[in-house]
Protein backbone atom coordinates (compact mmCIF):
# COMPACT_ATOMS: atom_id res chain seq x y z
CA MET A 1 -6.15 36.20 37.07
CA ALA A 2 -5.81 32.41 37.40
CA GLU A 3 -9.17 31.95 35.67
CA ARG A 4 -8.09 34.16 32.78
CA ARG A 5 -4.93 32.12 32.34
CA GLU A 6 -6.93 28.90 32.39
CA ASN A 7 -9.31 30.28 29.73
CA LEU A 8 -6.51 30.71 27.17
CA GLU A 9 -7.59 28.05 24.72
CA GLN A 10 -4.60 28.08 22.36
CA VAL A 11 -1.09 26.85 23.07
CA ALA A 12 2.24 26.51 21.28
CA VAL A 13 4.96 24.39 22.89
CA TYR A 14 8.68 25.06 22.49
CA ASP A 15 10.69 22.51 24.43
CA ARG A 16 9.98 23.44 28.08
CA PHE A 17 8.22 26.69 27.25
CA ARG A 18 4.46 26.72 26.68
CA ILE A 19 2.92 29.88 25.26
CA PHE A 20 -0.80 30.20 25.95
CA TYR A 21 -2.97 32.67 24.07
CA SER A 22 -6.56 33.23 22.99
CA LEU A 23 -8.37 34.11 19.81
CA SER A 24 -11.52 35.29 21.59
CA GLY A 25 -12.68 37.05 24.73
CA GLU A 26 -10.99 39.73 26.81
CA ASP A 27 -7.50 38.32 26.25
CA ALA A 28 -7.81 37.75 22.51
CA LEU A 29 -4.69 38.45 20.47
CA PRO A 30 -5.03 41.72 18.56
CA PRO A 31 -5.98 41.07 14.91
CA ALA A 32 -2.56 42.21 13.72
CA ARG A 33 -0.96 39.43 15.81
CA ARG A 34 -2.99 36.57 14.30
CA ALA A 35 -1.36 36.24 10.87
CA ASP A 36 -0.33 32.63 10.18
CA ASP A 37 1.91 33.01 7.14
CA ASP A 38 3.08 29.38 7.00
CA ASN A 39 -0.37 27.91 7.77
CA ASP A 40 0.91 25.78 10.63
CA GLY A 41 -1.96 26.81 12.90
CA ILE A 42 0.22 29.10 15.06
CA PRO A 43 0.28 32.87 14.56
CA GLU A 44 3.70 34.10 13.40
CA TYR A 45 3.93 36.43 16.37
CA VAL A 46 3.51 33.53 18.81
CA ASP A 47 5.95 31.36 16.85
CA GLN A 48 8.59 34.08 16.83
CA LEU A 49 8.05 34.70 20.53
CA GLY A 50 8.57 31.01 21.27
CA ARG A 51 11.82 30.97 19.34
CA ARG A 52 12.89 34.14 21.14
CA PHE A 53 12.38 32.51 24.54
CA LEU A 54 14.33 29.46 23.42
CA GLN A 55 17.19 31.60 22.13
CA THR A 56 17.30 33.68 25.31
CA ASP A 57 17.17 30.59 27.50
CA ARG A 58 20.04 29.00 25.58
CA PHE A 59 22.01 32.23 25.91
CA TYR A 60 21.57 32.37 29.68
CA ARG A 61 22.60 28.73 29.97
CA ASP A 62 25.37 28.41 27.37
CA GLU A 63 26.84 31.92 27.16
CA VAL A 64 26.37 33.16 30.72
CA GLY A 65 26.73 29.72 32.29
CA LEU A 66 23.59 29.80 34.41
CA THR A 67 21.57 26.80 35.51
CA SER A 68 18.04 26.67 34.15
CA PRO A 69 15.52 27.29 36.93
CA LEU A 70 13.83 24.03 35.96
CA ASP A 71 17.07 22.18 36.69
CA GLY A 72 18.18 24.04 39.81
CA GLU A 73 17.74 23.04 43.44
CA ARG A 74 14.68 25.21 44.12
CA TYR A 75 12.45 24.08 41.27
CA LYS A 76 13.75 20.77 39.92
CA GLY A 77 10.96 18.21 40.24
CA HIS A 78 8.57 20.94 41.41
CA ALA A 79 8.02 22.78 38.11
CA HIS A 80 7.78 21.14 34.70
CA TYR A 81 7.39 24.03 32.26
CA ILE A 82 7.79 27.76 32.04
CA ASP A 83 4.32 28.90 30.98
CA VAL A 84 4.03 32.24 29.19
CA ASN A 85 0.51 33.69 29.20
CA LEU A 86 -0.39 36.36 26.62
CA LEU A 87 -2.98 38.54 28.32
CA ASN A 88 -4.65 41.91 27.89
CA ILE A 89 -2.88 43.53 30.82
CA PRO A 90 -1.79 47.15 31.37
CA ARG A 91 1.84 46.34 32.19
CA ASN A 92 4.41 44.83 29.83
CA GLY A 93 4.96 41.70 31.86
CA ILE A 94 5.53 40.07 35.22
CA ALA A 95 7.33 36.93 36.39
CA TYR A 96 6.28 34.90 39.43
CA ASP A 97 8.24 32.68 41.79
CA GLY A 98 5.51 30.24 42.79
CA THR A 99 4.73 26.90 41.14
CA PRO A 100 0.95 26.86 40.59
CA LYS A 101 -0.88 23.99 38.95
CA LEU A 102 -3.37 25.56 36.55
CA ASP A 103 -6.24 23.75 34.86
CA ARG A 104 -5.02 23.56 31.27
CA SER A 105 -7.72 21.19 30.01
CA ILE A 106 -9.27 23.77 27.68
CA SER A 107 -6.00 23.83 25.68
CA HIS A 108 -5.55 20.04 25.96
CA GLN A 109 -2.31 20.41 27.91
CA LYS A 110 -1.09 18.67 31.03
CA SER A 111 -2.03 20.42 34.26
CA VAL A 112 1.25 20.28 36.16
CA PRO A 113 3.11 22.67 38.47
CA VAL A 114 4.82 25.36 36.40
CA LEU A 115 6.70 28.63 36.54
CA LEU A 116 4.73 31.59 35.21
CA ILE A 117 5.34 34.68 33.11
CA ASP A 118 2.47 36.95 32.08
CA LEU A 119 3.08 39.14 29.02
CA SER A 120 0.96 41.82 27.42
CA ASN A 121 -0.54 40.47 24.20
CA SER A 122 0.09 43.90 22.66
CA LEU A 123 3.78 44.08 23.53
CA ASN A 124 5.89 45.87 20.96
CA TRP A 125 8.32 43.43 19.35
CA GLY A 126 11.34 45.60 20.11
CA ASN A 127 10.52 45.67 23.82
CA LYS A 128 12.93 43.61 25.94
CA THR A 129 10.36 42.42 28.47
CA PRO A 130 10.66 38.72 27.45
CA GLU A 131 14.40 38.75 28.21
CA HIS A 132 13.86 40.75 31.40
CA GLU A 133 11.11 38.54 32.82
CA LEU A 134 12.88 35.30 31.96
CA PHE A 135 15.93 36.62 33.79
CA HIS A 136 13.72 37.13 36.87
CA ILE A 137 12.78 33.45 36.64
CA TYR A 138 16.49 32.62 36.60
CA GLN A 139 17.11 34.88 39.60
CA ASN A 140 14.33 33.12 41.50
CA GLY A 141 15.96 29.78 40.73
CA TYR A 142 19.13 30.88 42.54
CA THR A 143 17.99 32.96 45.50
CA TYR A 144 14.99 34.02 47.55
CA PHE A 145 16.23 37.60 47.78
CA LYS A 146 13.80 39.86 45.91
CA ASN A 147 14.97 43.33 46.94
CA ARG A 148 14.30 45.41 43.88
CA TRP A 149 17.58 47.34 43.75
CA TYR A 150 19.12 43.93 43.06
CA THR A 151 16.37 42.18 41.06
CA GLU A 152 15.42 45.06 38.76
CA GLY A 153 18.88 46.56 38.63
CA THR A 154 20.51 43.39 37.33
CA ALA A 155 17.52 42.45 35.14
CA ARG A 156 18.17 45.64 33.18
CA TRP A 157 21.56 44.12 32.30
CA SER A 158 19.76 41.18 30.71
CA GLU A 159 18.02 43.47 28.23
CA ASN A 160 21.28 44.38 26.49
CA ILE A 161 23.66 41.49 26.93
CA GLN A 162 22.59 39.42 23.92
CA SER A 163 23.61 42.38 21.78
CA GLY A 164 26.98 42.46 23.52
CA ARG A 165 26.25 45.72 25.29
CA VAL A 166 26.31 46.98 28.85
CA GLY A 167 24.13 49.93 29.78
CA LYS A 168 25.22 53.22 31.25
CA GLY A 169 27.25 53.12 34.45
CA GLY A 170 28.68 55.96 36.49
CA PHE A 171 27.44 55.48 40.05
CA LEU A 172 29.14 53.88 43.02
CA PRO A 173 28.15 54.81 46.58
CA ALA A 174 30.90 56.60 48.49
CA SER A 175 29.18 56.82 51.88
CA ARG A 176 26.77 54.85 54.05
CA GLY A 177 24.04 57.34 53.17
CA GLN A 178 24.56 56.81 49.45
CA ARG A 179 24.53 53.05 49.97
CA GLU A 180 21.23 53.27 51.84
CA ALA A 181 19.84 55.43 49.02
CA LEU A 182 20.92 52.73 46.55
CA PHE A 183 18.91 50.17 48.52
CA GLU A 184 15.78 52.26 47.85
CA LYS A 185 16.23 52.27 44.07
CA THR A 186 14.61 49.91 41.58
CA TYR A 187 15.30 50.02 37.84
CA ASP A 188 17.63 52.99 38.20
CA ALA A 189 19.94 50.88 40.36
CA SER A 190 21.13 49.47 37.01
CA GLN A 191 23.79 52.21 36.80
CA PHE A 192 25.41 50.82 39.94
CA TRP A 193 25.50 47.27 38.58
CA ASN A 194 26.65 48.44 35.16
CA GLU A 195 29.49 50.40 36.73
CA LEU A 196 30.69 47.32 38.62
CA ILE A 197 30.57 45.31 35.41
CA LEU A 198 32.39 47.95 33.37
CA ARG A 199 35.19 48.01 35.95
CA ALA A 200 35.47 44.36 36.91
CA ASP A 201 34.19 42.38 33.93
CA ASN A 202 34.10 44.50 30.81
CA GLY A 203 35.75 41.70 28.84
CA THR A 204 32.65 39.48 29.02
CA HIS A 205 30.20 42.39 29.38
CA GLY A 206 29.14 41.09 32.78
CA LYS A 207 28.48 37.45 31.97
CA THR A 208 31.15 36.23 34.40
CA PHE A 209 30.15 38.74 37.06
CA ILE A 210 26.45 37.86 36.91
CA ARG A 211 27.14 34.13 37.11
CA HIS A 212 29.40 34.56 40.13
CA LEU A 213 26.93 36.97 41.74
CA LEU A 214 23.97 34.58 41.48
CA GLU A 215 26.03 31.67 42.77
CA THR A 216 27.17 33.77 45.73
CA LEU A 217 23.65 35.00 46.44
CA ARG A 218 22.54 31.36 46.59
CA GLU A 219 25.13 30.82 49.33
CA MET A 220 24.16 34.01 51.12
CA ASP A 221 20.46 33.31 51.32
CA GLU A 222 21.29 30.05 53.06
CA VAL A 223 23.35 32.06 55.55
CA ALA A 224 20.49 34.55 55.98
CA ALA A 225 17.94 31.79 56.50
CA ARG A 226 20.08 30.13 59.15
CA GLU A 227 20.88 33.35 61.00
CA ARG A 228 17.27 34.61 60.91
CA GLY A 229 15.52 31.30 61.58
CA ILE A 230 13.80 31.09 58.18
CA ASN A 231 12.84 27.79 56.55
CA ARG A 232 15.49 27.75 53.81
CA ALA A 233 13.16 25.97 51.39
CA ASN A 234 10.13 28.21 51.90
CA TRP A 235 10.81 31.86 52.64
CA PRO A 236 7.75 33.98 53.52
CA GLU A 237 7.18 36.74 50.98
CA ALA A 238 7.87 39.44 53.56
CA GLU A 239 11.30 37.93 54.26
CA GLN A 240 12.11 37.71 50.56
CA ARG A 241 11.59 41.46 50.23
CA SER A 242 12.86 42.49 53.67
CA GLU A 243 15.46 45.23 54.04
CA LYS A 244 17.26 42.72 56.27
CA ASN A 245 18.45 41.07 53.05
CA ASN A 246 20.48 44.09 51.97
CA PRO A 247 23.60 43.37 54.06
CA TYR A 248 23.73 39.83 52.66
CA ILE A 249 23.40 41.06 49.08
CA TRP A 250 26.13 43.60 49.82
CA ARG A 251 28.40 40.87 51.14
CA ALA A 252 27.70 38.86 47.99
CA ILE A 253 28.84 41.79 45.85
CA GLN A 254 32.09 42.09 47.79
CA LYS A 255 32.74 38.35 47.65
CA THR A 256 32.01 38.25 43.93
CA LEU A 257 34.50 41.01 43.20
CA LYS A 258 37.16 39.33 45.34
CA GLU A 259 36.62 35.95 43.68
CA MET A 260 37.02 37.60 40.30
CA GLY A 261 40.30 39.09 41.44
CA TYR A 262 39.09 42.67 41.31
CA THR A 263 40.35 44.05 44.58
CA SER A 264 40.38 47.36 46.34
CA ALA A 265 44.13 47.60 45.70
CA GLU A 266 43.37 48.20 42.03
CA ASP A 267 40.61 50.76 42.45
CA GLY A 268 40.25 53.42 45.11
CA GLU A 269 36.50 53.73 44.66
CA ILE A 270 36.09 49.99 45.09
CA LYS A 271 38.21 50.25 48.24
CA THR A 272 35.70 52.79 49.56
CA LEU A 273 32.86 50.47 48.54
CA PHE A 274 34.40 47.59 50.49
CA GLY A 275 34.61 49.80 53.58
CA LEU A 276 30.91 50.68 53.67
């Protein structure tokens, strides 16, 4: 896949986002995506996508209050751009947490360490994958935890928040067994996170909750690294996805709710949650 990314000969730069695409070969943009209505040499689809990433990035920073991954402790000085590669791939998109240095000479760009997002070059415009995958990059900037009930569950929140909406809630675990079942979920864990937001932070539609959660997870993965003897600056992939992370993520949820002043005294179901 690295070779395919390096063979993308076209690029459009939007501040610290670089969108790479091709007009030929296996990853060529579909003909319908090549229209250049203003004759600036960049297809309208690519130009609109670049502005969309900029808008979403500003929203995460200014409206949610998050630190850009390029400015945070993990990646500052180690990654210089967020590169978005438009490829002919079967999935909608995927974000990565490494900082590869790709050969970008064919597109006359600097070859520097970057953060990566791959997107399907046939992605429907209404699909929220750009917002979702950029949120994963933000998550990676805060914490090494990559347990999918957390990563995918909260990333679903990011798909709706710019429209001022929170998705469907309705599920909170009421027993240890239900909590363990939650830890096995992926995208469908979103109902758990949405329910917490609807109860504790409906006024900001989760923006305050998500900011506090990510900040607390950053603290918790330092605790986890210390207690488990992991290099805090370089977690092995198996540790990032380990089920051993779940208790720390759970503690982060409890601490976030307490810091926001949403206590078990106000809500019997939250009291049960705190006791699990």
